[in-house]
PDB file of N, CA and C in Angstrom:
ATOM      1  N   MET A   1     127.909 125.676 132.933  1.00  0.00           N
ATOM      2  CA  MET A   1     126.927 126.317 133.748  1.00  0.00           C
ATOM      3  C   MET A   1     126.416 127.574 133.144  1.00  0.00           C
ATOM      4  N   LEU A   2     127.357 128.263 132.447  1.00  0.00           N
ATOM      5  CA  LEU A   2     126.693 129.586 131.652  1.00  0.00           C
ATOM      6  C   LEU A   2     125.773 129.264 130.644  1.00  0.00           C
ATOM      7  N   ARG A   3     125.979 128.229 130.024  1.00  0.00           N
ATOM      8  CA  ARG A   3     124.909 127.628 128.966  1.00  0.00           C
ATOM      9  C   ARG A   3     123.550 127.478 129.629  1.00  0.00           C
ATOM     10  N   ILE A   4     123.442 126.739 130.701  1.00  0.00           N
ATOM     11  CA  ILE A   4     122.296 126.406 131.464  1.00  0.00           C
ATOM     12  C   ILE A   4     121.516 127.748 131.799  1.00  0.00           C
ATOM     13  N   THR A   5     122.273 128.659 132.272  1.00  0.00           N
ATOM     14  CA  THR A   5     121.836 129.965 132.788  1.00  0.00           C
ATOM     15  C   THR A   5     121.137 130.730 131.662  1.00  0.00           C
ATOM     16  N   ARG A   6     121.805 130.788 130.433  1.00  0.00           N
ATOM     17  CA  ARG A   6     121.224 131.511 129.315  1.00  0.00           C
ATOM     18  C   ARG A   6     119.900 130.790 128.782  1.00  0.00           C
ATOM     19  N   ARG A   7     120.099 129.413 128.667  1.00  0.00           N
ATOM     20  CA  ARG A   7     118.776 128.799 128.298  1.00  0.00           C
ATOM     21  C   ARG A   7     117.704 129.130 129.215  1.00  0.00           C
ATOM     22  N   SER A   8     118.059 129.041 130.604  1.00  0.00           N
ATOM     23  CA  SER A   8     116.954 129.306 131.574  1.00  0.00           C
ATOM     24  C   SER A   8     116.270 130.765 131.342  1.00  0.00           C
ATOM     25  N   GLU A   9     117.216 131.667 131.191  1.00  0.00           N
ATOM     26  CA  GLU A   9     116.816 132.999 130.999  1.00  0.00           C
ATOM     27  C   GLU A   9     115.970 133.112 129.709  1.00  0.00           C
ATOM     28  N   GLN A  10     116.313 132.617 128.696  1.00  0.00           N
ATOM     29  CA  GLN A  10     115.583 132.661 127.357  1.00  0.00           C
ATOM     30  C   GLN A  10     114.259 131.888 127.711  1.00  0.00           C
ATOM     31  N   THR A  11     114.225 130.789 128.247  1.00  0.00           N
ATOM     32  CA  THR A  11     112.889 130.165 128.534  1.00  0.00           C
ATOM     33  C   THR A  11     111.952 130.938 129.340  1.00  0.00           C
ATOM     34  N   GLU A  12     112.466 131.715 130.351  1.00  0.00           N
ATOM     35  CA  GLU A  12     111.584 132.491 131.105  1.00  0.00           C
ATOM     36  C   GLU A  12     111.142 133.709 130.294  1.00  0.00           C
ATOM     37  N   ARG A  13     111.787 134.148 129.515  1.00  0.00           N
ATOM     38  CA  ARG A  13     111.424 135.370 128.569  1.00  0.00           C
ATOM     39  C   ARG A  13     110.444 134.922 127.791  1.00  0.00           C
ATOM     40  N   LEU A  14     110.535 133.674 127.117  1.00  0.00           N
ATOM     41  CA  LEU A  14     109.507 133.178 126.161  1.00  0.00           C
ATOM     42  C   LEU A  14     108.100 132.959 126.812  1.00  0.00           C
ATOM     43  N   ARG A  15     108.372 132.464 128.206  1.00  0.00           N
ATOM     44  CA  ARG A  15     107.093 132.130 128.876  1.00  0.00           C
ATOM     45  C   ARG A  15     106.442 133.379 129.338  1.00  0.00           C
ATOM     46  N   SER A  16     107.008 134.600 129.359  1.00  0.00           N
ATOM     47  CA  SER A  16     106.452 135.760 129.686  1.00  0.00           C
ATOM     48  C   SER A  16     105.592 136.403 128.668  1.00  0.00           C
ATOM     49  N   ILE A  17     105.802 135.979 127.339  1.00  0.00           N
ATOM     50  CA  ILE A  17     105.097 136.483 126.172  1.00  0.00           C
ATOM     51  C   ILE A  17     103.780 135.814 126.270  1.00  0.00           C
ATOM     52  N   ARG A  18     102.688 136.893 126.111  1.00  0.00           N
ATOM     53  CA  ARG A  18     101.257 136.194 126.288  1.00  0.00           C
ATOM     54  C   ARG A  18     100.914 135.457 124.965  1.00  0.00           C
ATOM     55  N   ASP A  19     100.128 134.502 125.007  1.00  0.00           N
ATOM     56  CA  ASP A  19      99.663 133.599 124.073  1.00  0.00           C
ATOM     57  C   ASP A  19      99.043 134.338 122.949  1.00  0.00           C
ATOM     58  N   ASP A  20      98.185 135.323 123.319  1.00  0.00           N
ATOM     59  CA  ASP A  20      97.533 136.124 122.157  1.00  0.00           C
ATOM     60  C   ASP A  20      98.538 136.720 121.226  1.00  0.00           C
ATOM     61  N   ASP A  21      99.674 137.111 121.805  1.00  0.00           N
ATOM     62  CA  ASP A  21     100.825 137.841 120.982  1.00  0.00           C
ATOM     63  C   ASP A  21     101.372 136.756 120.119  1.00  0.00           C
ATOM     64  N   LEU A  22     101.408 135.412 120.418  1.00  0.00           N
ATOM     65  CA  LEU A  22     102.037 134.675 119.712  1.00  0.00           C
ATOM     66  C   LEU A  22     101.174 134.067 118.468  1.00  0.00           C
ATOM     67  N   THR A  23      99.936 133.814 118.807  1.00  0.00           N
ATOM     68  CA  THR A  23      99.068 133.325 117.763  1.00  0.00           C
ATOM     69  C   THR A  23      98.189 134.404 117.031  1.00  0.00           C
ATOM     70  N   PHE A  24      98.286 135.549 117.280  1.00  0.00           N
ATOM     71  CA  PHE A  24      97.545 136.476 116.546  1.00  0.00           C
ATOM     72  C   PHE A  24      97.594 136.399 115.024  1.00  0.00           C
ATOM     73  N   GLY A  25      96.559 136.119 114.421  1.00  0.00           N
ATOM     74  CA  GLY A  25      96.551 136.120 112.847  1.00  0.00           C
ATOM     75  C   GLY A  25      96.774 134.567 112.383  1.00  0.00           C
ATOM     76  N   LEU A  26      96.949 133.637 113.373  1.00  0.00           N
ATOM     77  CA  LEU A  26      96.976 132.241 112.978  1.00  0.00           C
ATOM     78  C   LEU A  26      95.498 131.651 112.732  1.00  0.00           C
ATOM     79  N   PRO A  27      95.439 130.684 112.045  1.00  0.00           N
ATOM     80  CA  PRO A  27      94.169 129.956 111.760  1.00  0.00           C
ATOM     81  C   PRO A  27      93.875 129.436 113.114  1.00  0.00           C
ATOM     82  N   PRO A  28      92.351 129.220 113.402  1.00  0.00           N
ATOM     83  CA  PRO A  28      92.220 128.700 114.697  1.00  0.00           C
ATOM     84  C   PRO A  28      92.799 127.410 115.033  1.00  0.00           C
ATOM     85  N   GLY A  29      93.291 127.340 116.316  1.00  0.00           N
ATOM     86  CA  GLY A  29      93.935 126.012 116.752  1.00  0.00           C
ATOM     87  C   GLY A  29      95.400 125.891 116.422  1.00  0.00           C
ATOM     88  N   TYR A  30      96.032 126.791 115.513  1.00  0.00           N
ATOM     89  CA  TYR A  30      97.354 126.618 115.243  1.00  0.00           C
ATOM     90  C   TYR A  30      98.196 127.422 116.380  1.00  0.00           C
ATOM     91  N   THR A  31      99.197 126.876 116.716  1.00  0.00           N
ATOM     92  CA  THR A  31     100.003 127.270 117.894  1.00  0.00           C
ATOM     93  C   THR A  31     101.529 127.486 117.546  1.00  0.00           C
ATOM     94  N   LEU A  32     102.202 128.248 118.304  1.00  0.00           N
ATOM     95  CA  LEU A  32     103.613 128.299 118.226  1.00  0.00           C
ATOM     96  C   LEU A  32     104.314 127.616 119.290  1.00  0.00           C
ATOM     97  N   ASP A  33     105.227 126.707 119.174  1.00  0.00           N
ATOM     98  CA  ASP A  33     105.889 126.173 120.234  1.00  0.00           C
ATOM     99  C   ASP A  33     107.165 126.726 120.324  1.00  0.00           C
ATOM    100  N   LEU A  34     107.460 127.502 121.463  1.00  0.00           N
ATOM    101  CA  LEU A  34     108.673 128.254 121.730  1.00  0.00           C
ATOM    102  C   LEU A  34     109.685 127.590 122.733  1.00  0.00           C
ATOM    103  N   LEU A  35     109.162 126.576 123.369  1.00  0.00           N
ATOM    104  CA  LEU A  35     109.907 125.989 124.466  1.00  0.00           C
ATOM    105  C   LEU A  35     110.516 124.696 124.153  1.00  0.00           C
ATOM    106  N   SER A  36     110.128 123.960 123.368  1.00  0.00           N
ATOM    107  CA  SER A  36     110.635 122.683 122.854  1.00  0.00           C
ATOM    108  C   SER A  36     112.112 122.832 122.633  1.00  0.00           C
ATOM    109  N   ASP A  37     112.397 123.830 121.823  1.00  0.00           N
ATOM    110  CA  ASP A  37     113.791 124.398 121.440  1.00  0.00           C
ATOM    111  C   ASP A  37     113.751 125.728 121.257  1.00  0.00           C
ATOM    112  N   PRO A  38     114.496 126.472 122.231  1.00  0.00           N
ATOM    113  CA  PRO A  38     114.384 127.925 122.236  1.00  0.00           C
ATOM    114  C   PRO A  38     114.979 128.453 121.175  1.00  0.00           C
ATOM    115  N   CYS A  39     115.769 127.776 120.432  1.00  0.00           N
ATOM    116  CA  CYS A  39     116.532 128.369 119.136  1.00  0.00           C
ATOM    117  C   CYS A  39     115.581 128.414 117.940  1.00  0.00           C
ATOM    118  N   ILE A  40     114.447 127.840 117.995  1.00  0.00           N
ATOM    119  CA  ILE A  40     113.591 127.756 116.676  1.00  0.00           C
ATOM    120  C   ILE A  40     112.139 127.937 117.285  1.00  0.00           C
ATOM    121  N   ILE A  41     111.284 128.406 116.245  1.00  0.00           N
ATOM    122  CA  ILE A  41     109.983 128.457 116.418  1.00  0.00           C
ATOM    123  C   ILE A  41     109.265 127.285 115.611  1.00  0.00           C
ATOM    124  N   ILE A  42     108.375 126.495 116.345  1.00  0.00           N
ATOM    125  CA  ILE A  42     107.797 125.523 115.631  1.00  0.00           C
ATOM    126  C   ILE A  42     106.377 125.903 115.501  1.00  0.00           C
ATOM    127  N   LEU A  43     105.762 125.742 114.306  1.00  0.00           N
ATOM    128  CA  LEU A  43     104.375 125.892 114.074  1.00  0.00           C
ATOM    129  C   LEU A  43     103.712 124.592 114.127  1.00  0.00           C
ATOM    130  N   ARG A  44     102.648 124.534 114.857  1.00  0.00           N
ATOM    131  CA  ARG A  44     101.922 123.271 115.075  1.00  0.00           C
ATOM    132  C   ARG A  44     100.383 123.482 114.569  1.00  0.00           C
ATOM    133  N   ARG A  45      99.828 122.270 114.102  1.00  0.00           N
ATOM    134  CA  ARG A  45      98.476 122.200 113.857  1.00  0.00           C
ATOM    135  C   ARG A  45      97.577 122.042 115.190  1.00  0.00           C
ATOM    136  N   PRO A  46      96.443 122.142 115.096  1.00  0.00           N
ATOM    137  CA  PRO A  46      95.600 121.999 116.094  1.00  0.00           C
ATOM    138  C   PRO A  46      95.880 120.645 116.819  1.00  0.00           C
ATOM    139  N   ASP A  47      96.299 119.601 116.107  1.00  0.00           N
ATOM    140  CA  ASP A  47      96.384 118.217 116.514  1.00  0.00           C
ATOM    141  C   ASP A  47      97.791 118.042 117.181  1.00  0.00           C
ATOM    142  N   GLY A  48      98.750 118.972 117.061  1.00  0.00           N
ATOM    143  CA  GLY A  48     100.022 119.024 117.538  1.00  0.00           C
ATOM    144  C   GLY A  48     101.023 118.590 116.602  1.00  0.00           C
ATOM    145  N   THR A  49     100.573 118.268 115.289  1.00  0.00           N
ATOM    146  CA  THR A  49     101.567 117.899 114.325  1.00  0.00           C
ATOM    147  C   THR A  49     102.272 119.243 113.774  1.00  0.00           C
ATOM    148  N   VAL A  50     103.717 118.897 113.635  1.00  0.00           N
ATOM    149  CA  VAL A  50     104.580 120.005 113.267  1.00  0.00           C
ATOM    150  C   VAL A  50     104.183 120.366 111.726  1.00  0.00           C
ATOM    151  N   VAL A  51     104.072 121.680 111.612  1.00  0.00           N
ATOM    152  CA  VAL A  51     103.819 122.237 110.135  1.00  0.00           C
ATOM    153  C   VAL A  51     105.079 122.675 109.481  1.00  0.00           C
ATOM    154  N   ALA A  52     105.817 123.511 110.372  1.00  0.00           N
ATOM    155  CA  ALA A  52     107.138 124.084 109.864  1.00  0.00           C
ATOM    156  C   ALA A  52     107.934 124.466 111.037  1.00  0.00           C
ATOM    157  N   ARG A  53     109.254 124.722 110.854  1.00  0.00           N
ATOM    158  CA  ARG A  53     110.101 125.203 111.740  1.00  0.00           C
ATOM    159  C   ARG A  53     110.654 126.629 111.283  1.00  0.00           C
ATOM    160  N   PHE A  54     110.754 127.635 112.031  1.00  0.00           N
ATOM    161  CA  PHE A  54     111.441 128.776 111.649  1.00  0.00           C
ATOM    162  C   PHE A  54     112.605 129.288 112.715  1.00  0.00           C
ATOM    163  N   THR A  55     113.592 130.105 112.058  1.00  0.00           N
ATOM    164  CA  THR A  55     114.583 130.638 113.204  1.00  0.00           C
ATOM    165  C   THR A  55     113.828 131.593 114.061  1.00  0.00           C
ATOM    166  N   ARG A  56     114.380 131.890 115.075  1.00  0.00           N
ATOM    167  CA  ARG A  56     113.613 132.702 116.191  1.00  0.00           C
ATOM    168  C   ARG A  56     113.647 134.286 115.441  1.00  0.00           C
ATOM    169  N   PHE A  57     114.216 134.439 114.391  1.00  0.00           N
ATOM    170  CA  PHE A  57     114.186 135.735 113.697  1.00  0.00           C
ATOM    171  C   PHE A  57     113.179 135.955 112.595  1.00  0.00           C
ATOM    172  N   ALA A  58     112.390 134.868 112.439  1.00  0.00           N
ATOM    173  CA  ALA A  58     111.410 134.808 111.301  1.00  0.00           C
ATOM    174  C   ALA A  58     110.472 135.878 111.280  1.00  0.00           C
ATOM    175  N   ASP A  59     110.064 136.201 110.184  1.00  0.00           N
ATOM    176  CA  ASP A  59     109.126 137.348 109.942  1.00  0.00           C
ATOM    177  C   ASP A  59     107.762 136.719 110.370  1.00  0.00           C
ATOM    178  N   PRO A  60     106.929 137.336 111.258  1.00  0.00           N
ATOM    179  CA  PRO A  60     105.562 136.809 111.641  1.00  0.00           C
ATOM    180  C   PRO A  60     104.664 136.579 110.510  1.00  0.00           C
ATOM    181  N   ALA A  61     104.836 137.500 109.497  1.00  0.00           N
ATOM    182  CA  ALA A  61     104.060 137.197 108.204  1.00  0.00           C
ATOM    183  C   ALA A  61     104.237 135.801 107.495  1.00  0.00           C
ATOM    184  N   GLN A  62     105.419 135.457 107.588  1.00  0.00           N
ATOM    185  CA  GLN A  62     105.774 134.026 106.817  1.00  0.00           C
ATOM    186  C   GLN A  62     105.251 132.788 107.578  1.00  0.00           C
ATOM    187  N   ILE A  63     105.231 133.191 108.976  1.00  0.00           N
ATOM    188  CA  ILE A  63     104.683 132.047 109.856  1.00  0.00           C
ATOM    189  C   ILE A  63     103.100 131.980 109.571  1.00  0.00           C
ATOM    190  N   ARG A  64     102.556 133.258 109.578  1.00  0.00           N
ATOM    191  CA  ARG A  64     101.066 133.210 109.408  1.00  0.00           C
ATOM    192  C   ARG A  64     100.776 132.597 107.907  1.00  0.00           C
ATOM    193  N   GLN A  65     101.674 133.011 107.055  1.00  0.00           N
ATOM    194  CA  GLN A  65     101.463 132.393 105.615  1.00  0.00           C
ATOM    195  C   GLN A  65     101.474 130.955 105.582  1.00  0.00           C
ATOM    196  N   ALA A  66     102.526 130.393 106.263  1.00  0.00           N
ATOM    197  CA  ALA A  66     102.689 128.890 106.233  1.00  0.00           C
ATOM    198  C   ALA A  66     101.363 128.337 106.995  1.00  0.00           C
ATOM    199  N   ALA A  67     100.938 128.805 107.958  1.00  0.00           N
ATOM    200  CA  ALA A  67      99.817 128.269 108.628  1.00  0.00           C
ATOM    201  C   ALA A  67      98.608 128.425 107.727  1.00  0.00           C
ATOM    202  N   GLU A  68      98.293 129.409 107.064  1.00  0.00           N
ATOM    203  CA  GLU A  68      97.139 129.827 106.347  1.00  0.00           C
ATOM    204  C   GLU A  68      97.278 128.560 105.169  1.00  0.00           C
ATOM    205  N   GLU A  69      98.338 128.445 104.505  1.00  0.00           N
ATOM    206  CA  GLU A  69      98.669 127.504 103.340  1.00  0.00           C
ATOM    207  C   GLU A  69      98.209 126.054 103.768  1.00  0.00           C
ATOM    208  N   ASP A  70      98.836 125.740 105.092  1.00  0.00           N
ATOM    209  CA  ASP A  70      98.631 124.493 105.451  1.00  0.00           C
ATOM    210  C   ASP A  70      97.057 124.222 105.733  1.00  0.00           C
ATOM    211  N   ARG A  71      96.469 125.266 106.452  1.00  0.00           N
ATOM    212  CA  ARG A  71      95.117 125.005 106.616  1.00  0.00           C
ATOM    213  C   ARG A  71      94.153 124.831 105.334  1.00  0.00           C
ATOM    214  N   ALA A  72      94.631 125.772 104.256  1.00  0.00           N
ATOM    215  CA  ALA A  72      93.879 125.586 103.035  1.00  0.00           C
ATOM    216  C   ALA A  72      94.164 124.185 102.364  1.00  0.00           C
ATOM    217  N   ARG A  73      95.450 123.632 102.487  1.00  0.00           N
ATOM    218  CA  ARG A  73      95.645 122.438 101.841  1.00  0.00           C
ATOM    219  C   ARG A  73      94.975 121.370 102.655  1.00  0.00           C
ATOM    220  N   LEU A  74      94.829 121.434 104.008  1.00  0.00           N
ATOM    221  CA  LEU A  74      93.899 120.531 104.762  1.00  0.00           C
ATOM    222  C   LEU A  74      92.442 120.587 104.258  1.00  0.00           C
ATOM    223  N   ASP A  75      92.048 121.715 104.135  1.00  0.00           N
ATOM    224  CA  ASP A  75      90.620 121.915 103.698  1.00  0.00           C
ATOM    225  C   ASP A  75      90.175 121.269 102.378  1.00  0.00           C
ATOM    226  N   ARG A  76      91.356 121.259 101.335  1.00  0.00           N
ATOM    227  CA  ARG A  76      91.170 120.695 100.039  1.00  0.00           C
ATOM    228  C   ARG A  76      91.282 119.337  99.979  1.00  0.00           C
ATOM    229  N   GLU A  77      92.205 118.763 100.912  1.00  0.00           N
ATOM    230  CA  GLU A  77      92.453 117.261 100.877  1.00  0.00           C
ATOM    231  C   GLU A  77      91.459 116.401 101.720  1.00  0.00           C
ATOM    232  N   PRO A  78      90.791 115.562 101.323  1.00  0.00           N
ATOM    233  CA  PRO A  78      89.873 114.660 102.270  1.00  0.00           C
ATOM    234  C   PRO A  78      90.736 113.764 103.253  1.00  0.00           C
ATOM    235  N   ASP A  79      90.378 113.567 104.412  1.00  0.00           N
ATOM    236  CA  ASP A  79      90.939 112.541 105.129  1.00  0.00           C
ATOM    237  C   ASP A  79      90.800 111.109 104.653  1.00  0.00           C
ATOM    238  N   ASP A  80      91.995 110.581 104.719  1.00  0.00           N
ATOM    239  CA  ASP A  80      92.134 109.214 104.361  1.00  0.00           C
ATOM    240  C   ASP A  80      91.598 108.193 105.311  1.00  0.00           C
TER     241      ASP A  80
END
């Protein structure tokens, strides 16, 4: 029961964070998924594909860098 309560509290806290705060500096359309697994941060492309996973203590600059590198790689590689 205690575990459920903690997870619920953490989920509510994550939901209270504004989307702008989470995606500031990411390439357009990239998002951070904080609710699928409250223990990790999932970086997703605009189409929902997972780019990378980070601990919840990750440096925001590392997350932005991963998104920017992914975007640059997609720009260089033609669609198959």
